[in-house]
N, C-alpha and C. Protein backbone atom coordinates (compact mmCIF):
# COMPACT_ATOMS: atom_id res chain seq x y z
N MET A 1 0.86 -1.20 0.00
CA MET A 1 0.00 0.00 0.00
C MET A 1 0.89 1.24 0.00
N ALA A 2 0.58 2.17 -0.88
CA ALA A 2 1.37 3.39 -0.98
C ALA A 2 1.16 4.25 0.24
N ASP A 3 2.24 4.97 0.64
CA ASP A 3 2.12 5.90 1.75
C ASP A 3 1.20 7.05 1.37
N VAL A 4 0.46 7.53 2.36
CA VAL A 4 -0.42 8.66 2.14
C VAL A 4 0.39 9.94 2.27
N SER A 5 0.27 10.82 1.33
CA SER A 5 0.98 12.10 1.40
C SER A 5 0.56 12.85 2.66
N PRO A 6 1.52 13.48 3.36
CA PRO A 6 1.16 14.26 4.55
C PRO A 6 0.10 15.32 4.26
N LEU A 7 0.10 15.83 3.02
CA LEU A 7 -0.88 16.86 2.67
C LEU A 7 -2.28 16.28 2.54
N LEU A 8 -2.37 14.96 2.26
CA LEU A 8 -3.67 14.33 2.07
C LEU A 8 -4.09 13.49 3.27
N ALA A 9 -3.18 13.33 4.24
CA ALA A 9 -3.47 12.46 5.38
C ALA A 9 -4.64 13.03 6.18
N PRO A 10 -5.57 12.18 6.59
CA PRO A 10 -6.70 12.66 7.39
C PRO A 10 -6.22 13.11 8.77
N PRO A 11 -6.91 14.06 9.36
CA PRO A 11 -6.51 14.51 10.69
C PRO A 11 -6.74 13.41 11.72
N VAL A 12 -5.88 13.38 12.71
CA VAL A 12 -5.98 12.41 13.81
C VAL A 12 -6.22 13.17 15.10
N GLU A 13 -7.21 12.73 15.83
CA GLU A 13 -7.54 13.36 17.10
C GLU A 13 -7.14 12.43 18.23
N PHE A 14 -6.49 12.97 19.25
CA PHE A 14 -6.11 12.17 20.41
C PHE A 14 -7.27 12.17 21.41
N LEU A 15 -7.67 10.97 21.87
CA LEU A 15 -8.77 10.83 22.80
C LEU A 15 -8.29 10.17 24.09
N PHE A 16 -9.02 10.43 25.18
CA PHE A 16 -8.80 9.72 26.44
C PHE A 16 -7.35 9.83 26.92
N ALA A 17 -6.93 11.05 27.14
CA ALA A 17 -5.55 11.30 27.53
C ALA A 17 -5.24 10.70 28.90
N THR A 18 -4.03 10.16 29.03
CA THR A 18 -3.50 9.73 30.32
C THR A 18 -2.44 10.75 30.72
N ARG A 19 -2.67 11.42 31.81
CA ARG A 19 -1.78 12.53 32.19
C ARG A 19 -0.85 12.12 33.33
N LEU A 20 0.40 12.53 33.20
CA LEU A 20 1.39 12.38 34.26
C LEU A 20 1.86 13.77 34.66
N TYR A 21 1.69 14.09 35.93
CA TYR A 21 2.05 15.41 36.46
C TYR A 21 3.47 15.33 37.02
N ARG A 22 4.29 16.31 36.68
CA ARG A 22 5.66 16.35 37.20
C ARG A 22 6.01 17.76 37.62
N ALA A 23 6.56 17.89 38.81
CA ALA A 23 7.04 19.17 39.31
C ALA A 23 8.41 18.94 39.93
N GLU A 24 9.28 19.92 39.81
CA GLU A 24 10.59 19.86 40.46
C GLU A 24 10.58 20.85 41.62
N ILE A 25 10.72 20.34 42.83
CA ILE A 25 10.64 21.18 44.03
C ILE A 25 12.04 21.73 44.31
N ALA A 26 12.32 22.90 43.76
CA ALA A 26 13.66 23.47 43.84
C ALA A 26 13.75 24.67 44.78
N ASP A 27 12.61 25.12 45.32
CA ASP A 27 12.63 26.35 46.11
C ASP A 27 12.75 26.09 47.61
N GLU A 28 13.02 24.84 48.00
CA GLU A 28 13.22 24.51 49.42
C GLU A 28 14.48 23.67 49.52
N PRO A 29 15.66 24.34 49.47
CA PRO A 29 16.92 23.61 49.33
C PRO A 29 17.26 22.69 50.49
N ASP A 30 16.71 22.93 51.67
CA ASP A 30 17.04 22.09 52.83
C ASP A 30 16.07 20.92 53.01
N LEU A 31 15.04 20.87 52.18
CA LEU A 31 13.99 19.87 52.39
C LEU A 31 14.51 18.44 52.21
N ASN A 32 15.27 18.20 51.15
CA ASN A 32 15.69 16.83 50.88
C ASN A 32 16.58 16.26 51.98
N ALA A 33 17.49 17.08 52.50
CA ALA A 33 18.35 16.59 53.57
C ALA A 33 17.53 16.22 54.80
N ALA A 34 16.54 17.05 55.12
CA ALA A 34 15.68 16.77 56.27
C ALA A 34 14.82 15.53 56.02
N LEU A 35 14.35 15.37 54.80
CA LEU A 35 13.54 14.19 54.48
C LEU A 35 14.38 12.92 54.54
N LEU A 36 15.61 12.99 54.03
CA LEU A 36 16.47 11.81 54.08
C LEU A 36 16.73 11.40 55.52
N ALA A 37 17.01 12.39 56.38
CA ALA A 37 17.23 12.08 57.80
C ALA A 37 15.98 11.45 58.42
N ALA A 38 14.80 11.95 58.04
CA ALA A 38 13.55 11.40 58.58
C ALA A 38 13.36 9.96 58.11
N CYS A 39 13.64 9.70 56.84
CA CYS A 39 13.46 8.34 56.30
C CYS A 39 14.39 7.35 56.99
N LEU A 40 15.64 7.75 57.19
CA LEU A 40 16.60 6.85 57.83
C LEU A 40 16.27 6.64 59.30
N ASP A 41 15.77 7.68 59.96
CA ASP A 41 15.36 7.53 61.36
C ASP A 41 14.17 6.59 61.47
N ALA A 42 13.20 6.76 60.58
CA ALA A 42 12.02 5.89 60.61
C ALA A 42 12.44 4.43 60.41
N GLU A 43 13.33 4.20 59.47
CA GLU A 43 13.79 2.82 59.25
C GLU A 43 14.45 2.26 60.51
N ALA A 44 15.25 3.08 61.18
CA ALA A 44 15.98 2.61 62.36
C ALA A 44 15.06 2.23 63.51
N VAL A 45 13.96 2.97 63.69
CA VAL A 45 13.09 2.73 64.85
C VAL A 45 11.91 1.81 64.54
N ASP A 46 11.66 1.55 63.26
CA ASP A 46 10.45 0.82 62.86
C ASP A 46 10.74 -0.67 62.67
N ALA A 47 10.84 -1.38 63.77
CA ALA A 47 11.10 -2.82 63.68
C ALA A 47 9.98 -3.55 62.94
N GLU A 48 8.74 -3.12 63.17
CA GLU A 48 7.60 -3.75 62.50
C GLU A 48 7.70 -3.59 60.99
N GLY A 49 8.06 -2.39 60.54
CA GLY A 49 8.18 -2.15 59.11
C GLY A 49 9.32 -2.93 58.48
N ARG A 50 10.43 -3.03 59.18
CA ARG A 50 11.56 -3.82 58.67
C ARG A 50 11.17 -5.28 58.54
N ALA A 51 10.45 -5.79 59.55
CA ALA A 51 10.02 -7.19 59.50
C ALA A 51 9.02 -7.42 58.38
N TRP A 52 8.08 -6.48 58.20
CA TRP A 52 7.09 -6.62 57.12
C TRP A 52 7.79 -6.62 55.77
N SER A 53 8.77 -5.73 55.59
CA SER A 53 9.49 -5.66 54.32
C SER A 53 10.19 -6.98 54.02
N GLU A 54 10.81 -7.57 55.04
CA GLU A 54 11.50 -8.84 54.83
C GLU A 54 10.52 -9.96 54.52
N ARG A 55 9.42 -10.01 55.25
CA ARG A 55 8.43 -11.08 55.01
C ARG A 55 7.82 -11.01 53.63
N ASN A 56 7.65 -9.81 53.12
CA ASN A 56 6.95 -9.62 51.85
C ASN A 56 7.88 -9.41 50.66
N GLY A 57 9.17 -9.66 50.86
CA GLY A 57 10.10 -9.64 49.75
C GLY A 57 10.46 -8.26 49.24
N TYR A 58 10.27 -7.23 50.08
CA TYR A 58 10.66 -5.88 49.67
C TYR A 58 12.15 -5.72 49.96
N THR A 59 12.94 -5.47 48.95
CA THR A 59 14.39 -5.42 49.09
C THR A 59 14.80 -4.05 49.61
N GLY A 60 14.70 -3.89 50.89
CA GLY A 60 14.99 -2.61 51.52
C GLY A 60 14.04 -2.40 52.68
N TYR A 61 13.43 -1.21 52.72
CA TYR A 61 12.51 -0.89 53.82
C TYR A 61 11.36 -0.05 53.29
N THR A 62 10.16 -0.35 53.75
CA THR A 62 9.00 0.51 53.50
C THR A 62 8.17 0.59 54.78
N SER A 63 7.62 1.76 55.01
CA SER A 63 6.75 1.98 56.17
C SER A 63 5.28 1.78 55.82
N PHE A 64 5.01 1.22 54.64
CA PHE A 64 3.65 1.17 54.10
C PHE A 64 2.64 0.57 55.08
N GLU A 65 3.02 -0.50 55.76
CA GLU A 65 2.09 -1.21 56.63
C GLU A 65 2.32 -0.95 58.12
N SER A 66 3.21 -0.01 58.46
CA SER A 66 3.60 0.08 59.86
C SER A 66 3.44 1.46 60.48
N ILE A 67 3.63 2.53 59.75
CA ILE A 67 3.57 3.89 60.32
C ILE A 67 2.53 4.70 59.56
N ASP A 68 1.56 5.26 60.28
CA ASP A 68 0.52 6.05 59.62
C ASP A 68 0.52 7.51 60.06
N ASP A 69 1.58 7.95 60.76
CA ASP A 69 1.62 9.33 61.24
C ASP A 69 2.96 10.01 60.94
N LEU A 70 3.55 9.69 59.80
CA LEU A 70 4.85 10.25 59.45
C LEU A 70 4.82 11.77 59.41
N ALA A 71 3.73 12.35 58.91
CA ALA A 71 3.65 13.81 58.79
C ALA A 71 3.61 14.48 60.16
N ARG A 72 3.16 13.78 61.17
CA ARG A 72 3.17 14.32 62.53
C ARG A 72 4.50 14.06 63.24
N ARG A 73 5.12 12.96 62.93
CA ARG A 73 6.39 12.62 63.57
C ARG A 73 7.54 13.50 63.10
N TYR A 74 7.53 13.83 61.81
CA TYR A 74 8.66 14.52 61.20
C TYR A 74 8.18 15.79 60.50
N ALA A 75 8.74 16.92 60.92
CA ALA A 75 8.31 18.20 60.36
C ALA A 75 8.54 18.26 58.85
N ALA A 76 9.64 17.70 58.38
CA ALA A 76 9.93 17.74 56.94
C ALA A 76 8.88 16.96 56.15
N VAL A 77 8.44 15.83 56.69
CA VAL A 77 7.40 15.06 56.01
C VAL A 77 6.07 15.81 56.05
N GLY A 78 5.81 16.51 57.15
CA GLY A 78 4.63 17.35 57.21
C GLY A 78 4.65 18.43 56.15
N ARG A 79 5.82 19.03 55.95
CA ARG A 79 5.95 20.05 54.90
C ARG A 79 5.74 19.42 53.52
N LEU A 80 6.29 18.24 53.30
CA LEU A 80 6.08 17.57 52.01
C LEU A 80 4.61 17.29 51.77
N SER A 81 3.89 16.89 52.79
CA SER A 81 2.46 16.61 52.61
C SER A 81 1.70 17.87 52.21
N GLU A 82 2.11 19.03 52.73
CA GLU A 82 1.50 20.30 52.33
C GLU A 82 1.80 20.60 50.86
N ILE A 83 3.06 20.41 50.47
CA ILE A 83 3.45 20.64 49.08
C ILE A 83 2.67 19.72 48.15
N ALA A 84 2.59 18.45 48.51
CA ALA A 84 1.86 17.49 47.67
C ALA A 84 0.39 17.87 47.56
N GLY A 85 -0.19 18.37 48.65
CA GLY A 85 -1.59 18.79 48.61
C GLY A 85 -1.82 19.93 47.64
N THR A 86 -0.89 20.89 47.63
CA THR A 86 -1.00 22.01 46.68
C THR A 86 -0.95 21.51 45.24
N HIS A 87 -0.02 20.61 44.96
CA HIS A 87 0.12 20.09 43.60
C HIS A 87 -1.04 19.18 43.22
N ALA A 88 -1.61 18.48 44.18
CA ALA A 88 -2.78 17.65 43.89
C ALA A 88 -3.95 18.51 43.43
N GLN A 89 -4.14 19.66 44.06
CA GLN A 89 -5.21 20.57 43.65
C GLN A 89 -4.97 21.09 42.23
N ARG A 90 -3.72 21.41 41.92
CA ARG A 90 -3.39 21.88 40.57
C ARG A 90 -3.66 20.79 39.54
N PHE A 91 -3.24 19.58 39.86
CA PHE A 91 -3.43 18.47 38.93
C PHE A 91 -4.91 18.19 38.73
N ALA A 92 -5.69 18.25 39.80
CA ALA A 92 -7.13 18.02 39.68
C ALA A 92 -7.76 19.03 38.72
N ARG A 93 -7.31 20.28 38.77
CA ARG A 93 -7.83 21.28 37.83
C ARG A 93 -7.44 20.93 36.40
N MET A 94 -6.21 20.46 36.20
CA MET A 94 -5.77 20.07 34.86
C MET A 94 -6.58 18.89 34.33
N LEU A 95 -7.05 18.04 35.23
CA LEU A 95 -7.87 16.89 34.84
C LEU A 95 -9.34 17.25 34.62
N ASP A 96 -9.67 18.53 34.86
CA ASP A 96 -11.05 19.00 34.72
C ASP A 96 -12.01 18.28 35.65
N TRP A 97 -11.55 17.89 36.81
CA TRP A 97 -12.41 17.24 37.78
C TRP A 97 -13.38 18.23 38.41
N ASP A 98 -14.60 17.84 38.54
CA ASP A 98 -15.60 18.61 39.29
C ASP A 98 -15.68 18.00 40.69
N LEU A 99 -14.95 18.57 41.62
CA LEU A 99 -14.87 18.01 42.97
C LEU A 99 -16.06 18.38 43.84
N GLY A 100 -16.84 19.36 43.39
CA GLY A 100 -18.00 19.77 44.17
C GLY A 100 -17.62 20.50 45.45
N THR A 101 -18.59 20.72 46.30
CA THR A 101 -18.36 21.46 47.55
C THR A 101 -18.52 20.60 48.80
N LYS A 102 -19.10 19.43 48.66
CA LYS A 102 -19.35 18.59 49.83
C LYS A 102 -18.25 17.56 50.07
N ARG A 103 -17.38 17.37 49.08
CA ARG A 103 -16.27 16.44 49.22
C ARG A 103 -15.00 17.15 48.81
N ARG A 104 -13.88 16.63 49.24
CA ARG A 104 -12.60 17.28 48.93
C ARG A 104 -11.52 16.23 48.73
N LEU A 105 -10.45 16.66 48.06
CA LEU A 105 -9.27 15.82 47.96
C LEU A 105 -8.54 15.83 49.29
N ALA A 106 -8.20 14.68 49.80
CA ALA A 106 -7.49 14.59 51.07
C ALA A 106 -6.45 13.48 50.98
N MET A 107 -5.26 13.76 51.52
CA MET A 107 -4.24 12.73 51.55
C MET A 107 -4.69 11.61 52.48
N SER A 108 -4.73 10.41 51.97
CA SER A 108 -5.23 9.27 52.74
C SER A 108 -4.12 8.36 53.25
N SER A 109 -2.95 8.42 52.64
CA SER A 109 -1.82 7.62 53.10
C SER A 109 -0.52 8.21 52.56
N LEU A 110 0.56 7.93 53.30
CA LEU A 110 1.89 8.42 52.93
C LEU A 110 2.90 7.46 53.54
N TRP A 111 3.89 7.05 52.76
CA TRP A 111 4.83 6.06 53.27
C TRP A 111 6.21 6.21 52.62
N ILE A 112 7.20 5.67 53.31
CA ILE A 112 8.60 5.73 52.90
C ILE A 112 8.95 4.48 52.10
N ASN A 113 9.78 4.66 51.07
CA ASN A 113 10.35 3.55 50.31
C ASN A 113 11.87 3.71 50.26
N ILE A 114 12.59 2.76 50.80
CA ILE A 114 14.05 2.74 50.68
C ILE A 114 14.41 1.45 49.94
N LEU A 115 14.79 1.60 48.68
CA LEU A 115 15.02 0.44 47.82
C LEU A 115 16.52 0.16 47.71
N ASN A 116 16.92 -1.02 48.15
CA ASN A 116 18.32 -1.40 48.09
C ASN A 116 18.75 -1.70 46.66
N PRO A 117 20.07 -1.69 46.38
CA PRO A 117 20.54 -2.16 45.08
C PRO A 117 20.02 -3.57 44.80
N GLY A 118 19.56 -3.78 43.58
CA GLY A 118 19.00 -5.06 43.19
C GLY A 118 17.52 -5.21 43.48
N GLY A 119 16.92 -4.22 44.12
CA GLY A 119 15.50 -4.29 44.43
C GLY A 119 14.63 -3.72 43.31
N PHE A 120 13.36 -4.08 43.34
CA PHE A 120 12.39 -3.56 42.38
C PHE A 120 11.01 -3.68 43.03
N HIS A 121 10.02 -3.09 42.38
CA HIS A 121 8.63 -3.19 42.86
C HIS A 121 7.77 -3.49 41.64
N GLY A 122 7.17 -4.67 41.62
CA GLY A 122 6.43 -5.12 40.45
C GLY A 122 5.20 -4.29 40.13
N SER A 123 4.62 -4.59 38.99
CA SER A 123 3.48 -3.82 38.47
C SER A 123 2.30 -3.84 39.44
N HIS A 124 1.72 -2.65 39.66
CA HIS A 124 0.61 -2.53 40.60
C HIS A 124 -0.13 -1.23 40.33
N LEU A 125 -1.27 -1.07 40.98
CA LEU A 125 -2.00 0.20 40.99
C LEU A 125 -2.43 0.47 42.43
N HIS A 126 -3.16 1.57 42.65
CA HIS A 126 -3.49 1.99 44.01
C HIS A 126 -5.01 2.07 44.16
N PRO A 127 -5.66 0.97 44.54
CA PRO A 127 -7.12 0.98 44.66
C PRO A 127 -7.60 1.87 45.79
N LEU A 128 -8.86 2.30 45.68
CA LEU A 128 -9.54 3.11 46.70
C LEU A 128 -8.96 4.52 46.83
N SER A 129 -8.17 4.94 45.85
CA SER A 129 -7.62 6.30 45.81
C SER A 129 -7.95 6.91 44.45
N VAL A 130 -7.78 8.23 44.34
CA VAL A 130 -8.03 8.88 43.05
C VAL A 130 -6.75 9.46 42.46
N LEU A 131 -5.83 9.92 43.30
CA LEU A 131 -4.52 10.39 42.85
C LEU A 131 -3.45 9.70 43.67
N SER A 132 -2.37 9.35 43.01
CA SER A 132 -1.22 8.77 43.70
C SER A 132 0.03 9.47 43.20
N GLY A 133 1.10 9.38 43.98
CA GLY A 133 2.31 10.05 43.56
C GLY A 133 3.51 9.66 44.41
N THR A 134 4.65 10.16 43.99
CA THR A 134 5.91 9.89 44.69
C THR A 134 6.79 11.13 44.63
N TYR A 135 7.44 11.40 45.75
CA TYR A 135 8.47 12.44 45.82
C TYR A 135 9.81 11.72 45.99
N TYR A 136 10.80 12.16 45.22
CA TYR A 136 12.09 11.47 45.20
C TYR A 136 13.11 12.23 46.04
N VAL A 137 13.59 11.54 47.07
CA VAL A 137 14.52 12.14 48.03
C VAL A 137 15.96 11.91 47.60
N SER A 138 16.30 10.69 47.24
CA SER A 138 17.65 10.34 46.83
C SER A 138 17.58 9.41 45.63
N VAL A 139 18.21 9.83 44.52
CA VAL A 139 18.19 9.03 43.29
C VAL A 139 19.63 8.93 42.79
N PRO A 140 20.38 7.94 43.24
CA PRO A 140 21.77 7.82 42.80
C PRO A 140 21.86 7.42 41.34
N PRO A 141 23.01 7.65 40.70
CA PRO A 141 23.17 7.25 39.29
C PRO A 141 22.89 5.77 39.10
N GLY A 142 22.09 5.46 38.08
CA GLY A 142 21.73 4.08 37.79
C GLY A 142 20.54 3.56 38.57
N ALA A 143 19.92 4.42 39.36
CA ALA A 143 18.77 3.99 40.17
C ALA A 143 17.56 3.68 39.30
N SER A 144 16.60 3.01 39.91
CA SER A 144 15.40 2.57 39.20
C SER A 144 14.66 3.74 38.56
N THR A 145 14.07 3.45 37.41
CA THR A 145 13.06 4.35 36.84
C THR A 145 11.69 3.90 37.34
N ILE A 146 10.69 4.71 37.07
CA ILE A 146 9.31 4.28 37.27
C ILE A 146 8.69 4.15 35.88
N SER A 147 8.05 3.03 35.63
CA SER A 147 7.51 2.73 34.31
C SER A 147 6.00 2.64 34.38
N PHE A 148 5.32 3.36 33.50
CA PHE A 148 3.86 3.39 33.46
C PHE A 148 3.35 2.57 32.27
N GLU A 149 2.25 1.87 32.50
CA GLU A 149 1.68 0.96 31.50
C GLU A 149 0.42 1.56 30.89
N ASP A 150 0.30 1.46 29.58
CA ASP A 150 -0.92 1.88 28.88
C ASP A 150 -2.12 1.15 29.49
N PRO A 151 -3.11 1.88 30.03
CA PRO A 151 -4.24 1.20 30.68
C PRO A 151 -5.11 0.39 29.72
N ARG A 152 -4.94 0.61 28.42
CA ARG A 152 -5.72 -0.15 27.44
C ARG A 152 -5.08 -1.48 27.06
N LEU A 153 -3.89 -1.73 27.58
CA LEU A 153 -3.11 -2.88 27.14
C LEU A 153 -3.88 -4.20 27.21
N PRO A 154 -4.63 -4.50 28.28
CA PRO A 154 -5.35 -5.78 28.33
C PRO A 154 -6.43 -5.91 27.26
N LEU A 155 -6.82 -4.81 26.63
CA LEU A 155 -7.90 -4.83 25.64
C LEU A 155 -7.39 -4.93 24.21
N MET A 156 -6.07 -4.90 24.02
CA MET A 156 -5.53 -4.79 22.66
C MET A 156 -5.51 -6.12 21.93
N MET A 157 -5.63 -7.23 22.63
CA MET A 157 -5.78 -8.56 22.04
C MET A 157 -4.76 -8.80 20.93
N GLY A 158 -5.18 -8.82 19.69
CA GLY A 158 -4.28 -9.18 18.59
C GLY A 158 -3.61 -8.00 17.94
N ALA A 159 -3.49 -6.88 18.62
CA ALA A 159 -2.89 -5.70 18.01
C ALA A 159 -1.42 -5.94 17.68
N PRO A 160 -0.92 -5.45 16.55
CA PRO A 160 0.49 -5.61 16.20
C PRO A 160 1.38 -4.86 17.20
N PRO A 161 2.62 -5.29 17.33
CA PRO A 161 3.54 -4.54 18.20
C PRO A 161 3.85 -3.17 17.61
N ARG A 162 4.27 -2.27 18.46
CA ARG A 162 4.67 -0.94 18.00
C ARG A 162 6.09 -0.98 17.42
N ARG A 163 6.34 -0.11 16.47
CA ARG A 163 7.66 -0.03 15.86
C ARG A 163 8.70 0.39 16.90
N GLU A 164 9.90 -0.15 16.76
CA GLU A 164 10.99 0.28 17.63
C GLU A 164 11.26 1.76 17.41
N GLY A 165 11.43 2.49 18.48
CA GLY A 165 11.68 3.92 18.37
C GLY A 165 10.43 4.74 18.10
N CYS A 166 9.25 4.17 18.33
CA CYS A 166 8.01 4.91 18.06
C CYS A 166 7.88 6.08 19.03
N ALA A 167 6.98 6.98 18.71
CA ALA A 167 6.77 8.17 19.54
C ALA A 167 6.41 7.76 20.97
N ARG A 168 6.80 8.58 21.91
CA ARG A 168 6.58 8.27 23.33
C ARG A 168 5.11 8.00 23.62
N GLU A 169 4.20 8.79 23.02
CA GLU A 169 2.78 8.62 23.31
C GLU A 169 2.19 7.36 22.68
N SER A 170 2.97 6.68 21.83
CA SER A 170 2.49 5.45 21.20
C SER A 170 2.97 4.19 21.90
N ARG A 171 3.83 4.33 22.88
CA ARG A 171 4.41 3.16 23.54
C ARG A 171 3.43 2.53 24.52
N SER A 172 3.58 1.24 24.74
CA SER A 172 2.75 0.56 25.72
C SER A 172 3.28 0.71 27.14
N HIS A 173 4.57 0.98 27.27
CA HIS A 173 5.19 1.26 28.56
C HIS A 173 6.10 2.48 28.41
N VAL A 174 6.01 3.39 29.35
CA VAL A 174 6.80 4.61 29.30
C VAL A 174 7.57 4.74 30.61
N GLY A 175 8.90 4.79 30.50
CA GLY A 175 9.74 4.96 31.67
C GLY A 175 10.02 6.42 31.95
N VAL A 176 10.06 6.77 33.22
CA VAL A 176 10.34 8.14 33.64
C VAL A 176 11.52 8.10 34.60
N VAL A 177 12.50 8.96 34.35
CA VAL A 177 13.69 9.04 35.19
C VAL A 177 13.55 10.23 36.13
N PRO A 178 13.34 10.00 37.42
CA PRO A 178 13.21 11.11 38.35
C PRO A 178 14.57 11.63 38.80
N ARG A 179 14.56 12.79 39.42
CA ARG A 179 15.73 13.37 40.05
C ARG A 179 15.40 13.65 41.51
N PRO A 180 16.41 13.86 42.35
CA PRO A 180 16.10 14.31 43.71
C PRO A 180 15.31 15.62 43.64
N GLY A 181 14.18 15.66 44.31
CA GLY A 181 13.30 16.82 44.25
C GLY A 181 12.17 16.70 43.26
N SER A 182 12.14 15.61 42.47
CA SER A 182 11.03 15.40 41.53
C SER A 182 9.78 14.94 42.27
N LEU A 183 8.65 15.52 41.90
CA LEU A 183 7.35 15.10 42.42
C LEU A 183 6.52 14.64 41.23
N LEU A 184 6.16 13.37 41.21
CA LEU A 184 5.32 12.81 40.16
C LEU A 184 3.95 12.49 40.73
N MET A 185 2.92 12.66 39.89
CA MET A 185 1.56 12.37 40.33
C MET A 185 0.76 11.85 39.13
N TRP A 186 -0.12 10.90 39.40
CA TRP A 186 -0.93 10.29 38.34
C TRP A 186 -2.25 9.82 38.94
N GLU A 187 -3.21 9.49 38.06
CA GLU A 187 -4.46 8.93 38.55
C GLU A 187 -4.21 7.51 39.05
N SER A 188 -4.86 7.16 40.15
CA SER A 188 -4.49 5.95 40.89
C SER A 188 -4.77 4.66 40.13
N TRP A 189 -5.61 4.70 39.11
CA TRP A 189 -5.88 3.49 38.33
C TRP A 189 -4.75 3.15 37.36
N LEU A 190 -3.78 4.03 37.22
CA LEU A 190 -2.72 3.83 36.23
C LEU A 190 -1.68 2.83 36.76
N ARG A 191 -1.56 1.72 36.10
CA ARG A 191 -0.63 0.67 36.55
C ARG A 191 0.81 1.11 36.28
N HIS A 192 1.69 0.77 37.23
CA HIS A 192 3.08 1.20 37.13
C HIS A 192 3.98 0.23 37.89
N GLU A 193 5.27 0.33 37.65
CA GLU A 193 6.24 -0.51 38.35
C GLU A 193 7.54 0.27 38.55
N VAL A 194 8.31 -0.16 39.55
CA VAL A 194 9.64 0.39 39.79
C VAL A 194 10.64 -0.64 39.28
N THR A 195 11.44 -0.25 38.31
CA THR A 195 12.36 -1.19 37.68
C THR A 195 13.55 -1.50 38.60
N LEU A 196 14.35 -2.46 38.18
CA LEU A 196 15.48 -2.93 38.98
C LEU A 196 16.41 -1.78 39.33
N ASN A 197 16.76 -1.69 40.61
CA ASN A 197 17.69 -0.66 41.06
C ASN A 197 19.12 -1.11 40.76
N ARG A 198 19.70 -0.55 39.71
CA ARG A 198 21.05 -0.92 39.29
C ARG A 198 22.11 -0.01 39.90
N ALA A 199 21.71 0.89 40.76
CA ALA A 199 22.67 1.78 41.41
C ALA A 199 23.43 1.02 42.49
N GLU A 200 24.53 1.59 42.92
CA GLU A 200 25.31 1.00 44.00
C GLU A 200 24.82 1.50 45.36
N GLU A 201 23.89 2.43 45.35
CA GLU A 201 23.37 2.99 46.59
C GLU A 201 21.85 2.81 46.64
N ARG A 202 21.28 3.14 47.77
CA ARG A 202 19.84 2.98 47.97
C ARG A 202 19.08 4.15 47.34
N ARG A 203 17.93 3.85 46.86
CA ARG A 203 17.02 4.84 46.26
C ARG A 203 15.94 5.14 47.29
N VAL A 204 15.76 6.42 47.62
CA VAL A 204 14.85 6.80 48.70
C VAL A 204 13.74 7.69 48.14
N SER A 205 12.50 7.33 48.45
CA SER A 205 11.36 8.12 47.98
C SER A 205 10.25 8.06 49.02
N ILE A 206 9.29 8.96 48.87
CA ILE A 206 8.11 8.99 49.73
C ILE A 206 6.89 9.01 48.82
N SER A 207 6.02 8.04 48.98
CA SER A 207 4.83 7.92 48.14
C SER A 207 3.57 8.28 48.93
N PHE A 208 2.50 8.57 48.20
CA PHE A 208 1.27 9.02 48.86
C PHE A 208 0.07 8.75 47.97
N ASN A 209 -1.08 8.73 48.60
CA ASN A 209 -2.37 8.62 47.91
C ASN A 209 -3.28 9.75 48.37
N PHE A 210 -4.16 10.17 47.47
CA PHE A 210 -5.24 11.10 47.80
C PHE A 210 -6.57 10.42 47.49
N SER A 211 -7.52 10.61 48.36
CA SER A 211 -8.88 10.14 48.12
C SER A 211 -9.81 11.34 47.99
N TRP A 212 -11.01 11.10 47.50
CA TRP A 212 -12.04 12.14 47.36
C TRP A 212 -13.14 11.81 48.34
N ARG A 213 -13.21 12.59 49.40
CA ARG A 213 -14.15 12.24 50.46
C ARG A 213 -14.76 13.47 51.10
């Protein structure tokens, strides 16, 4: 089949956008050092979290199942929760959400992730939430990326594979390389994974969910 001339090609409209919000928090230079100290202190005192991480095959430490008051324990984490709340409101406006007046976006959970070299976090999503995100405290060279999966993938059945080097918006999986100070946010139904940590040091981040209640 002959190629269609660009001048004759029919217009293509993009539908059902999947949005990824990214902000670089550069105006609080002391925040990351304070957050790193908080994360390491939490790991040191949280025997329950260390045990849960080992039992569940998490290569490192997470407070996901053990500490629910990080923002009260550590002032730096409290400040991060405020920053995340501001960005969640901005992202909600970009998504054209009608939040109404009787319900509001509220942070429902927040937890620490310290991923050792060789660790990863398999594909998952965040049920019972509407927005999820991660703030990156320490990202050494070679550290894990976060990879997002096209939510339509299970429906594609016999679709041909995409060409190598295809446009970013055409890929079935898109990797994002964060930096220290990066804040990423996405809708909670979006499946994602943390790839293998190939760095020689630990990768430290703080993740969170927002609900509409």
